[in-house]
Amino acid sequence: MPNLQETVFDAVMESFPIVFTVGNIKKAWDHVGVHPLQPEKIMNHCHENLGKIEKDEVVTEKYAIAFEAKEAFKALHEEHSQAVQN
């Protein structure tokens, strides 16, 4: 059985140039109210999702994997931004 963390990391690495475009990021941010800033929309999403996550070991593991994927994404984004600026 493949390592779940490696699988998620590989998927993020492969999808980065296709999925994480400026247009997709802006659309996602607009959808949840991050940019342009829409506090009411943010609070509505918070209230919609409040209590949906169970605090158990499996969820904690998923958060750890998601955190690692996020950190990898941030590193790739910084690397990509620096390459574009040069």
PDB file of N, CA and C in Angstrom:
ATOM      1  N   MET A   1       0.848  -1.179   0.000  1.00  0.00           N
ATOM      2  CA  MET A   1       0.000   0.000   0.000  1.00  0.00           C
ATOM      3  C   MET A   1       0.890   1.239   0.000  1.00  0.00           C
ATOM      4  N   PRO A   2       0.629   2.190  -0.920  1.00  0.00           N
ATOM      5  CA  PRO A   2       1.477   3.377  -0.981  1.00  0.00           C
ATOM      6  C   PRO A   2       1.310   4.255   0.262  1.00  0.00           C
ATOM      7  N   ASN A   3       2.343   4.989   0.566  1.00  0.00           N
ATOM      8  CA  ASN A   3       2.329   5.906   1.696  1.00  0.00           C
ATOM      9  C   ASN A   3       1.383   7.064   1.365  1.00  0.00           C
ATOM     10  N   LEU A   4       0.405   7.324   2.221  1.00  0.00           N
ATOM     11  CA  LEU A   4      -0.610   8.350   1.975  1.00  0.00           C
ATOM     12  C   LEU A   4       0.016   9.732   1.865  1.00  0.00           C
ATOM     13  N   GLN A   5       0.958  10.035   2.727  1.00  0.00           N
ATOM     14  CA  GLN A   5       1.600  11.349   2.681  1.00  0.00           C
ATOM     15  C   GLN A   5       2.332  11.560   1.360  1.00  0.00           C
ATOM     16  N   GLU A   6       3.042  10.546   0.905  1.00  0.00           N
ATOM     17  CA  GLU A   6       3.746  10.653  -0.373  1.00  0.00           C
ATOM     18  C   GLU A   6       2.767  10.825  -1.519  1.00  0.00           C
ATOM     19  N   THR A   7       1.655  10.109  -1.461  1.00  0.00           N
ATOM     20  CA  THR A   7       0.641  10.198  -2.507  1.00  0.00           C
ATOM     21  C   THR A   7       0.059  11.604  -2.569  1.00  0.00           C
ATOM     22  N   VAL A   8      -0.285  12.168  -1.405  1.00  0.00           N
ATOM     23  CA  VAL A   8      -0.840  13.526  -1.365  1.00  0.00           C
ATOM     24  C   VAL A   8       0.197  14.526  -1.859  1.00  0.00           C
ATOM     25  N   PHE A   9       1.413  14.399  -1.397  1.00  0.00           N
ATOM     26  CA  PHE A   9       2.470  15.317  -1.810  1.00  0.00           C
ATOM     27  C   PHE A   9       2.688  15.246  -3.320  1.00  0.00           C
ATOM     28  N   ASP A  10       2.747  14.033  -3.868  1.00  0.00           N
ATOM     29  CA  ASP A  10       2.923  13.865  -5.311  1.00  0.00           C
ATOM     30  C   ASP A  10       1.769  14.499  -6.083  1.00  0.00           C
ATOM     31  N   ALA A  11       0.545  14.329  -5.567  1.00  0.00           N
ATOM     32  CA  ALA A  11      -0.625  14.901  -6.233  1.00  0.00           C
ATOM     33  C   ALA A  11      -0.553  16.427  -6.231  1.00  0.00           C
ATOM     34  N   VAL A  12      -0.149  17.001  -5.109  1.00  0.00           N
ATOM     35  CA  VAL A  12      -0.018  18.460  -5.027  1.00  0.00           C
ATOM     36  C   VAL A  12       1.051  18.942  -6.005  1.00  0.00           C
ATOM     37  N   MET A  13       2.178  18.262  -6.031  1.00  0.00           N
ATOM     38  CA  MET A  13       3.275  18.653  -6.924  1.00  0.00           C
ATOM     39  C   MET A  13       2.826  18.609  -8.385  1.00  0.00           C
ATOM     40  N   GLU A  14       2.116  17.547  -8.773  1.00  0.00           N
ATOM     41  CA  GLU A  14       1.677  17.410 -10.153  1.00  0.00           C
ATOM     42  C   GLU A  14       0.597  18.422 -10.519  1.00  0.00           C
ATOM     43  N   SER A  15      -0.277  18.716  -9.571  1.00  0.00           N
ATOM     44  CA  SER A  15      -1.408  19.589  -9.876  1.00  0.00           C
ATOM     45  C   SER A  15      -1.072  21.075  -9.781  1.00  0.00           C
ATOM     46  N   PHE A  16       0.022  21.417  -9.156  1.00  0.00           N
ATOM     47  CA  PHE A  16       0.334  22.820  -8.903  1.00  0.00           C
ATOM     48  C   PHE A  16       0.223  23.706 -10.144  1.00  0.00           C
ATOM     49  N   PRO A  17       0.932  23.406 -11.232  1.00  0.00           N
ATOM     50  CA  PRO A  17       0.873  24.323 -12.372  1.00  0.00           C
ATOM     51  C   PRO A  17      -0.479  24.349 -13.083  1.00  0.00           C
ATOM     52  N   ILE A  18      -1.269  23.303 -12.913  1.00  0.00           N
ATOM     53  CA  ILE A  18      -2.560  23.223 -13.602  1.00  0.00           C
ATOM     54  C   ILE A  18      -3.675  23.828 -12.762  1.00  0.00           C
ATOM     55  N   VAL A  19      -3.719  23.480 -11.492  1.00  0.00           N
ATOM     56  CA  VAL A  19      -4.828  23.862 -10.625  1.00  0.00           C
ATOM     57  C   VAL A  19      -4.605  25.207  -9.950  1.00  0.00           C
ATOM     58  N   PHE A  20      -3.415  25.447  -9.465  1.00  0.00           N
ATOM     59  CA  PHE A  20      -3.166  26.646  -8.671  1.00  0.00           C
ATOM     60  C   PHE A  20      -2.784  27.833  -9.550  1.00  0.00           C
ATOM     61  N   THR A  21      -3.692  28.182 -10.440  1.00  0.00           N
ATOM     62  CA  THR A  21      -3.481  29.344 -11.285  1.00  0.00           C
ATOM     63  C   THR A  21      -4.002  30.577 -10.560  1.00  0.00           C
ATOM     64  N   VAL A  22      -3.577  31.724 -11.001  1.00  0.00           N
ATOM     65  CA  VAL A  22      -4.043  32.974 -10.388  1.00  0.00           C
ATOM     66  C   VAL A  22      -5.560  33.055 -10.479  1.00  0.00           C
ATOM     67  N   GLY A  23      -6.123  32.687 -11.624  1.00  0.00           N
ATOM     68  CA  GLY A  23      -7.577  32.744 -11.799  1.00  0.00           C
ATOM     69  C   GLY A  23      -8.318  31.827 -10.847  1.00  0.00           C
ATOM     70  N   ASN A  24      -7.844  30.599 -10.688  1.00  0.00           N
ATOM     71  CA  ASN A  24      -8.498  29.648  -9.779  1.00  0.00           C
ATOM     72  C   ASN A  24      -8.401  30.091  -8.330  1.00  0.00           C
ATOM     73  N   ILE A  25      -7.244  30.613  -7.947  1.00  0.00           N
ATOM     74  CA  ILE A  25      -7.065  31.069  -6.573  1.00  0.00           C
ATOM     75  C   ILE A  25      -7.989  32.248  -6.293  1.00  0.00           C
ATOM     76  N   LYS A  26      -8.048  33.207  -7.211  1.00  0.00           N
ATOM     77  CA  LYS A  26      -8.927  34.365  -7.016  1.00  0.00           C
ATOM     78  C   LYS A  26     -10.390  33.926  -6.939  1.00  0.00           C
ATOM     79  N   LYS A  27     -10.783  32.980  -7.802  1.00  0.00           N
ATOM     80  CA  LYS A  27     -12.165  32.491  -7.790  1.00  0.00           C
ATOM     81  C   LYS A  27     -12.482  31.822  -6.448  1.00  0.00           C
ATOM     82  N   ALA A  28     -11.567  31.001  -5.950  1.00  0.00           N
ATOM     83  CA  ALA A  28     -11.778  30.324  -4.662  1.00  0.00           C
ATOM     84  C   ALA A  28     -11.845  31.340  -3.532  1.00  0.00           C
ATOM     85  N   TRP A  29     -10.949  32.313  -3.539  1.00  0.00           N
ATOM     86  CA  TRP A  29     -10.955  33.337  -2.495  1.00  0.00           C
ATOM     87  C   TRP A  29     -12.241  34.142  -2.524  1.00  0.00           C
ATOM     88  N   ASP A  30     -12.716  34.459  -3.725  1.00  0.00           N
ATOM     89  CA  ASP A  30     -13.971  35.191  -3.836  1.00  0.00           C
ATOM     90  C   ASP A  30     -15.128  34.347  -3.319  1.00  0.00           C
ATOM     91  N   HIS A  31     -15.108  33.053  -3.626  1.00  0.00           N
ATOM     92  CA  HIS A  31     -16.186  32.150  -3.208  1.00  0.00           C
ATOM     93  C   HIS A  31     -16.343  32.113  -1.684  1.00  0.00           C
ATOM     94  N   VAL A  32     -15.231  32.130  -0.974  1.00  0.00           N
ATOM     95  CA  VAL A  32     -15.305  32.050   0.491  1.00  0.00           C
ATOM     96  C   VAL A  32     -15.236  33.416   1.169  1.00  0.00           C
ATOM     97  N   GLY A  33     -15.053  34.487   0.384  1.00  0.00           N
ATOM     98  CA  GLY A  33     -15.078  35.825   0.943  1.00  0.00           C
ATOM     99  C   GLY A  33     -13.756  36.356   1.437  1.00  0.00           C
ATOM    100  N   VAL A  34     -12.650  35.765   0.989  1.00  0.00           N
ATOM    101  CA  VAL A  34     -11.338  36.223   1.445  1.00  0.00           C
ATOM    102  C   VAL A  34     -10.878  37.437   0.641  1.00  0.00           C
ATOM    103  N   HIS A  35     -11.095  37.400  -0.683  1.00  0.00           N
ATOM    104  CA  HIS A  35     -10.679  38.526  -1.529  1.00  0.00           C
ATOM    105  C   HIS A  35     -11.628  38.666  -2.697  1.00  0.00           C
ATOM    106  N   PRO A  36     -12.295  39.793  -2.862  1.00  0.00           N
ATOM    107  CA  PRO A  36     -12.246  40.912  -1.929  1.00  0.00           C
ATOM    108  C   PRO A  36     -12.877  40.517  -0.593  1.00  0.00           C
ATOM    109  N   LEU A  37     -12.407  41.149   0.469  1.00  0.00           N
ATOM    110  CA  LEU A  37     -12.822  40.782   1.818  1.00  0.00           C
ATOM    111  C   LEU A  37     -14.325  40.977   1.997  1.00  0.00           C
ATOM    112  N   GLN A  38     -14.996  39.885   2.389  1.00  0.00           N
ATOM    113  CA  GLN A  38     -16.440  39.889   2.616  1.00  0.00           C
ATOM    114  C   GLN A  38     -16.712  39.174   3.947  1.00  0.00           C
ATOM    115  N   PRO A  39     -16.597  39.892   5.059  1.00  0.00           N
ATOM    116  CA  PRO A  39     -16.741  39.269   6.384  1.00  0.00           C
ATOM    117  C   PRO A  39     -18.029  38.467   6.554  1.00  0.00           C
ATOM    118  N   GLU A  40     -19.139  38.948   5.991  1.00  0.00           N
ATOM    119  CA  GLU A  40     -20.414  38.234   6.133  1.00  0.00           C
ATOM    120  C   GLU A  40     -20.340  36.854   5.479  1.00  0.00           C
ATOM    121  N   LYS A  41     -19.746  36.806   4.294  1.00  0.00           N
ATOM    122  CA  LYS A  41     -19.613  35.532   3.581  1.00  0.00           C
ATOM    123  C   LYS A  41     -18.719  34.572   4.362  1.00  0.00           C
ATOM    124  N   ILE A  42     -17.631  35.090   4.914  1.00  0.00           N
ATOM    125  CA  ILE A  42     -16.727  34.257   5.713  1.00  0.00           C
ATOM    126  C   ILE A  42     -17.470  33.673   6.902  1.00  0.00           C
ATOM    127  N   MET A  43     -18.221  34.510   7.617  1.00  0.00           N
ATOM    128  CA  MET A  43     -18.960  34.043   8.790  1.00  0.00           C
ATOM    129  C   MET A  43     -20.037  33.031   8.403  1.00  0.00           C
ATOM    130  N   ASN A  44     -20.701  33.234   7.267  1.00  0.00           N
ATOM    131  CA  ASN A  44     -21.703  32.266   6.824  1.00  0.00           C
ATOM    132  C   ASN A  44     -21.075  30.900   6.575  1.00  0.00           C
ATOM    133  N   HIS A  45     -19.910  30.875   5.932  1.00  0.00           N
ATOM    134  CA  HIS A  45     -19.229  29.600   5.689  1.00  0.00           C
ATOM    135  C   HIS A  45     -18.815  28.958   7.011  1.00  0.00           C
ATOM    136  N   CYS A  46     -18.368  29.775   7.956  1.00  0.00           N
ATOM    137  CA  CYS A  46     -17.986  29.236   9.266  1.00  0.00           C
ATOM    138  C   CYS A  46     -19.187  28.580   9.942  1.00  0.00           C
ATOM    139  N   HIS A  47     -20.328  29.273   9.921  1.00  0.00           N
ATOM    140  CA  HIS A  47     -21.529  28.741  10.573  1.00  0.00           C
ATOM    141  C   HIS A  47     -22.051  27.497   9.861  1.00  0.00           C
ATOM    142  N   GLU A  48     -21.931  27.456   8.528  1.00  0.00           N
ATOM    143  CA  GLU A  48     -22.382  26.281   7.760  1.00  0.00           C
ATOM    144  C   GLU A  48     -21.582  25.040   8.130  1.00  0.00           C
ATOM    145  N   ASN A  49     -20.292  25.226   8.397  1.00  0.00           N
ATOM    146  CA  ASN A  49     -19.402  24.085   8.614  1.00  0.00           C
ATOM    147  C   ASN A  49     -19.109  23.784  10.072  1.00  0.00           C
ATOM    148  N   LEU A  50     -19.578  24.624  10.965  1.00  0.00           N
ATOM    149  CA  LEU A  50     -19.324  24.436  12.387  1.00  0.00           C
ATOM    150  C   LEU A  50     -19.857  23.085  12.871  1.00  0.00           C
ATOM    151  N   GLY A  51     -19.017  22.301  13.515  1.00  0.00           N
ATOM    152  CA  GLY A  51     -19.427  21.021  14.076  1.00  0.00           C
ATOM    153  C   GLY A  51     -19.405  19.859  13.109  1.00  0.00           C
ATOM    154  N   LYS A  52     -19.011  20.069  11.868  1.00  0.00           N
ATOM    155  CA  LYS A  52     -19.004  18.979  10.889  1.00  0.00           C
ATOM    156  C   LYS A  52     -17.774  18.080  11.010  1.00  0.00           C
ATOM    157  N   ILE A  53     -16.730  18.579  11.644  1.00  0.00           N
ATOM    158  CA  ILE A  53     -15.495  17.808  11.755  1.00  0.00           C
ATOM    159  C   ILE A  53     -15.460  17.103  13.101  1.00  0.00           C
ATOM    160  N   GLU A  54     -15.259  15.805  13.060  1.00  0.00           N
ATOM    161  CA  GLU A  54     -15.140  15.029  14.290  1.00  0.00           C
ATOM    162  C   GLU A  54     -13.682  15.028  14.719  1.00  0.00           C
ATOM    163  N   LYS A  55     -13.469  15.148  16.008  1.00  0.00           N
ATOM    164  CA  LYS A  55     -12.107  15.158  16.536  1.00  0.00           C
ATOM    165  C   LYS A  55     -11.696  13.725  16.886  1.00  0.00           C
ATOM    166  N   ASP A  56     -11.140  13.041  15.937  1.00  0.00           N
ATOM    167  CA  ASP A  56     -10.641  11.701  16.208  1.00  0.00           C
ATOM    168  C   ASP A  56      -9.264  11.548  15.565  1.00  0.00           C
ATOM    169  N   GLU A  57      -8.649  10.426  15.775  1.00  0.00           N
ATOM    170  CA  GLU A  57      -7.293  10.216  15.305  1.00  0.00           C
ATOM    171  C   GLU A  57      -7.171  10.285  13.786  1.00  0.00           C
ATOM    172  N   VAL A  58      -8.180   9.780  13.078  1.00  0.00           N
ATOM    173  CA  VAL A  58      -8.133   9.789  11.613  1.00  0.00           C
ATOM    174  C   VAL A  58      -8.151  11.221  11.097  1.00  0.00           C
ATOM    175  N   VAL A  59      -9.008  12.047  11.662  1.00  0.00           N
ATOM    176  CA  VAL A  59      -9.079  13.443  11.242  1.00  0.00           C
ATOM    177  C   VAL A  59      -7.768  14.148  11.545  1.00  0.00           C
ATOM    178  N   THR A  60      -7.200  13.887  12.715  1.00  0.00           N
ATOM    179  CA  THR A  60      -5.927  14.493  13.080  1.00  0.00           C
ATOM    180  C   THR A  60      -4.851  14.112  12.075  1.00  0.00           C
ATOM    181  N   GLU A  61      -4.827  12.863  11.649  1.00  0.00           N
ATOM    182  CA  GLU A  61      -3.853  12.417  10.650  1.00  0.00           C
ATOM    183  C   GLU A  61      -4.087  13.135   9.328  1.00  0.00           C
ATOM    184  N   LYS A  62      -5.363  13.275   8.950  1.00  0.00           N
ATOM    185  CA  LYS A  62      -5.677  13.975   7.705  1.00  0.00           C
ATOM    186  C   LYS A  62      -5.227  15.429   7.783  1.00  0.00           C
ATOM    187  N   TYR A  63      -5.409  16.064   8.954  1.00  0.00           N
ATOM    188  CA  TYR A  63      -4.951  17.439   9.110  1.00  0.00           C
ATOM    189  C   TYR A  63      -3.439  17.517   8.969  1.00  0.00           C
ATOM    190  N   ALA A  64      -2.736  16.555   9.526  1.00  0.00           N
ATOM    191  CA  ALA A  64      -1.275  16.548   9.436  1.00  0.00           C
ATOM    192  C   ALA A  64      -0.846  16.448   7.975  1.00  0.00           C
ATOM    193  N   ILE A  65      -1.510  15.604   7.220  1.00  0.00           N
ATOM    194  CA  ILE A  65      -1.192  15.459   5.793  1.00  0.00           C
ATOM    195  C   ILE A  65      -1.536  16.739   5.044  1.00  0.00           C
ATOM    196  N   ALA A  66      -2.701  17.302   5.349  1.00  0.00           N
ATOM    197  CA  ALA A  66      -3.113  18.546   4.693  1.00  0.00           C
ATOM    198  C   ALA A  66      -2.143  19.675   5.029  1.00  0.00           C
ATOM    199  N   PHE A  67      -1.679  19.717   6.283  1.00  0.00           N
ATOM    200  CA  PHE A  67      -0.717  20.742   6.681  1.00  0.00           C
ATOM    201  C   PHE A  67       0.573  20.592   5.883  1.00  0.00           C
ATOM    202  N   GLU A  68       1.056  19.367   5.743  1.00  0.00           N
ATOM    203  CA  GLU A  68       2.274  19.138   4.972  1.00  0.00           C
ATOM    204  C   GLU A  68       2.071  19.528   3.514  1.00  0.00           C
ATOM    205  N   ALA A  69       0.899  19.208   2.961  1.00  0.00           N
ATOM    206  CA  ALA A  69       0.600  19.579   1.577  1.00  0.00           C
ATOM    207  C   ALA A  69       0.561  21.096   1.443  1.00  0.00           C
ATOM    208  N   LYS A  70      -0.029  21.762   2.430  1.00  0.00           N
ATOM    209  CA  LYS A  70      -0.094  23.229   2.397  1.00  0.00           C
ATOM    210  C   LYS A  70       1.307  23.818   2.445  1.00  0.00           C
ATOM    211  N   GLU A  71       2.157  23.277   3.307  1.00  0.00           N
ATOM    212  CA  GLU A  71       3.526  23.777   3.407  1.00  0.00           C
ATOM    213  C   GLU A  71       4.279  23.556   2.092  1.00  0.00           C
ATOM    214  N   ALA A  72       4.053  22.416   1.463  1.00  0.00           N
ATOM    215  CA  ALA A  72       4.681  22.145   0.172  1.00  0.00           C
ATOM    216  C   ALA A  72       4.177  23.124  -0.879  1.00  0.00           C
ATOM    217  N   PHE A  73       2.871  23.396  -0.854  1.00  0.00           N
ATOM    218  CA  PHE A  73       2.293  24.346  -1.791  1.00  0.00           C
ATOM    219  C   PHE A  73       2.904  25.733  -1.588  1.00  0.00           C
ATOM    220  N   LYS A  74       3.024  26.154  -0.323  1.00  0.00           N
ATOM    221  CA  LYS A  74       3.599  27.463  -0.038  1.00  0.00           C
ATOM    222  C   LYS A  74       5.035  27.547  -0.553  1.00  0.00           C
ATOM    223  N   ALA A  75       5.800  26.503  -0.351  1.00  0.00           N
ATOM    224  CA  ALA A  75       7.186  26.491  -0.815  1.00  0.00           C
ATOM    225  C   ALA A  75       7.238  26.561  -2.340  1.00  0.00           C
ATOM    226  N   LEU A  76       6.367  25.795  -2.996  1.00  0.00           N
ATOM    227  CA  LEU A  76       6.323  25.831  -4.455  1.00  0.00           C
ATOM    228  C   LEU A  76       5.887  27.210  -4.956  1.00  0.00           C
ATOM    229  N   HIS A  77       4.911  27.784  -4.278  1.00  0.00           N
ATOM    230  CA  HIS A  77       4.423  29.099  -4.673  1.00  0.00           C
ATOM    231  C   HIS A  77       5.532  30.147  -4.560  1.00  0.00           C
ATOM    232  N   GLU A  78       6.271  30.111  -3.449  1.00  0.00           N
ATOM    233  CA  GLU A  78       7.373  31.054  -3.265  1.00  0.00           C
ATOM    234  C   GLU A  78       8.435  30.856  -4.337  1.00  0.00           C
ATOM    235  N   GLU A  79       8.746  29.599  -4.624  1.00  0.00           N
ATOM    236  CA  GLU A  79       9.739  29.291  -5.653  1.00  0.00           C
ATOM    237  C   GLU A  79       9.266  29.790  -7.015  1.00  0.00           C
ATOM    238  N   HIS A  80       7.986  29.542  -7.321  1.00  0.00           N
ATOM    239  CA  HIS A  80       7.406  29.977  -8.595  1.00  0.00           C
ATOM    240  C   HIS A  80       7.398  31.504  -8.674  1.00  0.00           C
ATOM    241  N   SER A  81       7.020  32.183  -7.605  1.00  0.00           N
ATOM    242  CA  SER A  81       6.975  33.643  -7.583  1.00  0.00           C
ATOM    243  C   SER A  81       8.361  34.237  -7.819  1.00  0.00           C
ATOM    244  N   GLN A  82       9.356  33.644  -7.197  1.00  0.00           N
ATOM    245  CA  GLN A  82      10.722  34.140  -7.380  1.00  0.00           C
ATOM    246  C   GLN A  82      11.182  33.932  -8.817  1.00  0.00           C
ATOM    247  N   ALA A  83      10.825  32.783  -9.399  1.00  0.00           N
ATOM    248  CA  ALA A  83      11.216  32.493 -10.781  1.00  0.00           C
ATOM    249  C   ALA A  83      10.547  33.470 -11.750  1.00  0.00           C
ATOM    250  N   VAL A  84       9.284  33.805 -11.487  1.00  0.00           N
ATOM    251  CA  VAL A  84       8.549  34.725 -12.355  1.00  0.00           C
ATOM    252  C   VAL A  84       9.136  36.122 -12.255  1.00  0.00           C
ATOM    253  N   GLN A  85       9.551  36.528 -11.057  1.00  0.00           N
ATOM    254  CA  GLN A  85      10.103  37.864 -10.857  1.00  0.00           C
ATOM    255  C   GLN A  85      11.476  38.014 -11.508  1.00  0.00           C
ATOM    256  N   ASN A  86      12.208  36.913 -11.657  1.00  0.00           N
ATOM    257  CA  ASN A  86      13.558  36.980 -12.239  1.00  0.00           C
ATOM    258  C   ASN A  86      13.514  36.892 -13.705  1.00  0.00           C
TER     259      ASN A  86
END
